[in-house]
């Protein structure tokens, strides 16, 4: 389920909520002041890894940095 940002009209607090795409435009209650929080535009985050980081992630054993031989 995708996450969406909601900005409160009263206190400008930004909060994230996981909702279905059909419910993304429905307002929600602000967790800080209880005001009405509306769906706001968010920018996607992109995670980048170096070639070595990808290799270690795919080949190490139990997340301890030890490389498996078999």
N, C-alpha and C. Protein backbone atom coordinates (compact mmCIF):
# COMPACT_ATOMS: atom_id res chain seq x y z
N UNK A 1 0.85 -1.16 0.00
CA UNK A 1 0.00 0.00 0.00
C UNK A 1 0.90 1.24 0.00
N UNK A 2 0.61 2.21 -0.82
CA UNK A 2 1.46 3.40 -0.91
C UNK A 2 1.28 4.32 0.29
N UNK A 3 2.29 5.14 0.55
CA UNK A 3 2.20 6.14 1.61
C UNK A 3 1.97 7.51 0.98
N UNK A 4 1.23 8.35 1.69
CA UNK A 4 0.90 9.69 1.21
C UNK A 4 1.17 10.70 2.31
N UNK A 5 1.55 11.91 1.92
CA UNK A 5 1.75 13.00 2.86
C UNK A 5 0.47 13.79 3.02
N UNK A 6 0.20 14.21 4.26
CA UNK A 6 -0.96 15.04 4.56
C UNK A 6 -0.48 16.23 5.37
N UNK A 7 -0.89 17.44 4.97
CA UNK A 7 -0.49 18.67 5.65
C UNK A 7 -1.69 19.28 6.33
N UNK A 8 -1.53 19.61 7.61
CA UNK A 8 -2.61 20.21 8.39
C UNK A 8 -2.83 21.66 7.95
N UNK A 9 -4.08 22.05 7.79
CA UNK A 9 -4.41 23.41 7.39
C UNK A 9 -4.17 24.40 8.53
N UNK A 10 -4.25 23.94 9.78
CA UNK A 10 -4.13 24.83 10.93
C UNK A 10 -2.69 25.02 11.40
N UNK A 11 -1.93 23.91 11.56
CA UNK A 11 -0.59 24.02 12.15
C UNK A 11 0.54 23.68 11.18
N UNK A 12 0.23 23.35 9.94
CA UNK A 12 1.21 23.01 8.90
C UNK A 12 2.04 21.76 9.22
N UNK A 13 1.56 20.93 10.13
CA UNK A 13 2.24 19.67 10.43
C UNK A 13 2.08 18.73 9.23
N UNK A 14 3.17 18.05 8.86
CA UNK A 14 3.12 17.09 7.76
C UNK A 14 3.22 15.69 8.36
N UNK A 15 2.29 14.83 8.01
CA UNK A 15 2.30 13.45 8.49
C UNK A 15 2.12 12.51 7.32
N UNK A 16 2.57 11.28 7.51
CA UNK A 16 2.53 10.26 6.46
C UNK A 16 1.52 9.19 6.87
N UNK A 17 0.73 8.74 5.89
CA UNK A 17 -0.26 7.69 6.15
C UNK A 17 -0.24 6.70 5.00
N UNK A 18 -0.40 5.41 5.33
CA UNK A 18 -0.50 4.37 4.33
C UNK A 18 -1.98 4.16 4.01
N UNK A 19 -2.34 4.38 2.76
CA UNK A 19 -3.74 4.25 2.33
C UNK A 19 -3.80 3.65 0.94
N UNK A 20 -4.98 3.15 0.61
CA UNK A 20 -5.19 2.67 -0.75
C UNK A 20 -5.27 3.89 -1.68
N UNK A 21 -5.04 3.69 -2.95
CA UNK A 21 -5.08 4.79 -3.91
C UNK A 21 -6.47 5.42 -3.98
N UNK A 22 -7.49 4.63 -3.77
CA UNK A 22 -8.86 5.15 -3.82
C UNK A 22 -9.15 6.11 -2.67
N UNK A 23 -8.47 5.94 -1.53
CA UNK A 23 -8.73 6.77 -0.35
C UNK A 23 -7.73 7.90 -0.16
N UNK A 24 -6.80 8.09 -1.09
CA UNK A 24 -5.72 9.05 -0.88
C UNK A 24 -6.19 10.49 -0.77
N UNK A 25 -7.29 10.87 -1.40
CA UNK A 25 -7.77 12.26 -1.38
C UNK A 25 -8.63 12.58 -0.17
N UNK A 26 -9.02 11.55 0.61
CA UNK A 26 -9.86 11.80 1.79
C UNK A 26 -9.03 12.49 2.86
N UNK A 27 -9.57 13.56 3.46
CA UNK A 27 -8.81 14.25 4.51
C UNK A 27 -8.68 13.37 5.75
N UNK A 28 -7.69 13.69 6.58
CA UNK A 28 -7.51 12.96 7.83
C UNK A 28 -7.33 13.95 8.96
N UNK A 29 -7.40 13.47 10.18
CA UNK A 29 -7.26 14.31 11.36
C UNK A 29 -5.77 14.47 11.68
N UNK A 30 -5.35 15.70 11.96
CA UNK A 30 -3.96 15.99 12.31
C UNK A 30 -3.64 15.36 13.66
N UNK A 31 -2.49 14.72 13.75
CA UNK A 31 -2.10 14.08 15.01
C UNK A 31 -1.57 15.09 16.03
N UNK A 32 -1.25 16.31 15.61
CA UNK A 32 -0.72 17.32 16.53
C UNK A 32 -1.82 18.20 17.14
N UNK A 33 -2.70 18.74 16.30
CA UNK A 33 -3.70 19.69 16.80
C UNK A 33 -5.14 19.21 16.62
N UNK A 34 -5.34 18.14 15.86
CA UNK A 34 -6.70 17.64 15.63
C UNK A 34 -7.41 18.33 14.48
N UNK A 35 -6.71 19.22 13.77
CA UNK A 35 -7.30 19.92 12.64
C UNK A 35 -7.42 19.01 11.42
N UNK A 36 -7.86 19.59 10.33
CA UNK A 36 -8.05 18.85 9.09
C UNK A 36 -6.76 18.83 8.28
N UNK A 37 -6.25 17.63 7.98
CA UNK A 37 -5.03 17.48 7.19
C UNK A 37 -5.41 17.00 5.79
N UNK A 38 -4.94 17.71 4.79
CA UNK A 38 -5.26 17.40 3.40
C UNK A 38 -4.08 16.77 2.68
N UNK A 39 -4.37 15.97 1.67
CA UNK A 39 -3.35 15.31 0.86
C UNK A 39 -2.45 16.37 0.24
N UNK A 40 -1.14 16.20 0.37
CA UNK A 40 -0.19 17.14 -0.21
C UNK A 40 0.79 16.39 -1.10
N UNK A 41 1.41 17.11 -2.00
CA UNK A 41 2.34 16.51 -2.94
C UNK A 41 3.63 16.15 -2.23
N UNK A 42 4.13 14.97 -2.51
CA UNK A 42 5.41 14.54 -1.94
C UNK A 42 6.32 14.10 -3.08
N UNK A 43 7.60 14.25 -2.86
CA UNK A 43 8.58 13.86 -3.86
C UNK A 43 9.08 12.46 -3.55
N UNK A 44 9.24 11.62 -4.55
CA UNK A 44 9.73 10.27 -4.29
C UNK A 44 11.17 10.31 -3.81
N UNK A 45 11.52 9.37 -2.95
CA UNK A 45 12.90 9.28 -2.49
C UNK A 45 13.60 8.18 -3.28
N UNK A 46 14.81 8.45 -3.66
CA UNK A 46 15.58 7.49 -4.44
C UNK A 46 16.80 7.09 -3.62
N UNK A 47 16.96 5.80 -3.48
CA UNK A 47 18.11 5.29 -2.74
C UNK A 47 19.15 4.82 -3.74
N UNK A 48 20.37 5.27 -3.56
CA UNK A 48 21.43 4.84 -4.47
C UNK A 48 22.46 4.02 -3.70
N UNK A 49 23.04 3.06 -4.37
CA UNK A 49 24.08 2.22 -3.79
C UNK A 49 25.23 2.11 -4.77
N UNK A 50 26.42 1.96 -4.20
CA UNK A 50 27.57 1.72 -5.06
C UNK A 50 27.57 0.25 -5.47
N UNK A 51 28.40 -0.09 -6.43
CA UNK A 51 28.49 -1.47 -6.90
C UNK A 51 28.88 -2.41 -5.76
N UNK A 52 29.81 -1.99 -4.91
CA UNK A 52 30.25 -2.82 -3.79
C UNK A 52 29.15 -3.04 -2.77
N UNK A 53 28.36 -2.01 -2.49
CA UNK A 53 27.27 -2.16 -1.53
C UNK A 53 26.23 -3.15 -2.04
N UNK A 54 25.92 -3.11 -3.32
CA UNK A 54 24.97 -4.07 -3.89
C UNK A 54 25.52 -5.49 -3.80
N UNK A 55 26.80 -5.67 -4.08
CA UNK A 55 27.39 -7.01 -4.06
C UNK A 55 27.34 -7.58 -2.64
N UNK A 56 27.70 -6.77 -1.65
CA UNK A 56 27.69 -7.24 -0.26
C UNK A 56 26.27 -7.58 0.16
N UNK A 57 25.30 -6.75 -0.19
CA UNK A 57 23.91 -7.01 0.18
C UNK A 57 23.43 -8.33 -0.40
N UNK A 58 23.83 -8.66 -1.62
CA UNK A 58 23.36 -9.87 -2.29
C UNK A 58 24.14 -11.11 -1.91
N UNK A 59 25.37 -10.98 -1.38
CA UNK A 59 26.21 -12.15 -1.17
C UNK A 59 26.62 -12.43 0.27
N UNK A 60 26.41 -11.50 1.19
CA UNK A 60 26.85 -11.77 2.55
C UNK A 60 25.90 -12.74 3.26
N UNK A 61 26.38 -13.34 4.32
CA UNK A 61 25.61 -14.32 5.08
C UNK A 61 25.19 -13.70 6.41
N UNK A 62 23.92 -13.77 6.72
CA UNK A 62 23.37 -13.29 8.01
C UNK A 62 23.66 -11.83 8.31
N UNK A 63 23.91 -11.02 7.31
CA UNK A 63 24.13 -9.60 7.51
C UNK A 63 25.37 -9.24 8.29
N UNK A 64 26.33 -10.15 8.36
CA UNK A 64 27.53 -9.89 9.15
C UNK A 64 28.77 -9.56 8.32
N UNK A 65 28.62 -9.40 7.02
CA UNK A 65 29.73 -9.06 6.16
C UNK A 65 30.58 -10.22 5.72
N UNK A 66 30.23 -11.43 6.17
CA UNK A 66 30.99 -12.64 5.79
C UNK A 66 30.46 -13.15 4.47
N UNK A 67 31.36 -13.39 3.53
CA UNK A 67 30.97 -13.82 2.20
C UNK A 67 30.90 -15.33 2.15
N UNK A 68 29.81 -15.85 1.59
CA UNK A 68 29.63 -17.29 1.48
C UNK A 68 30.39 -17.83 0.27
N UNK A 69 30.99 -18.99 0.42
CA UNK A 69 31.71 -19.63 -0.69
C UNK A 69 30.84 -20.65 -1.43
N UNK A 70 29.70 -20.92 -0.93
CA UNK A 70 28.93 -21.97 -1.57
C UNK A 70 27.56 -21.64 -1.71
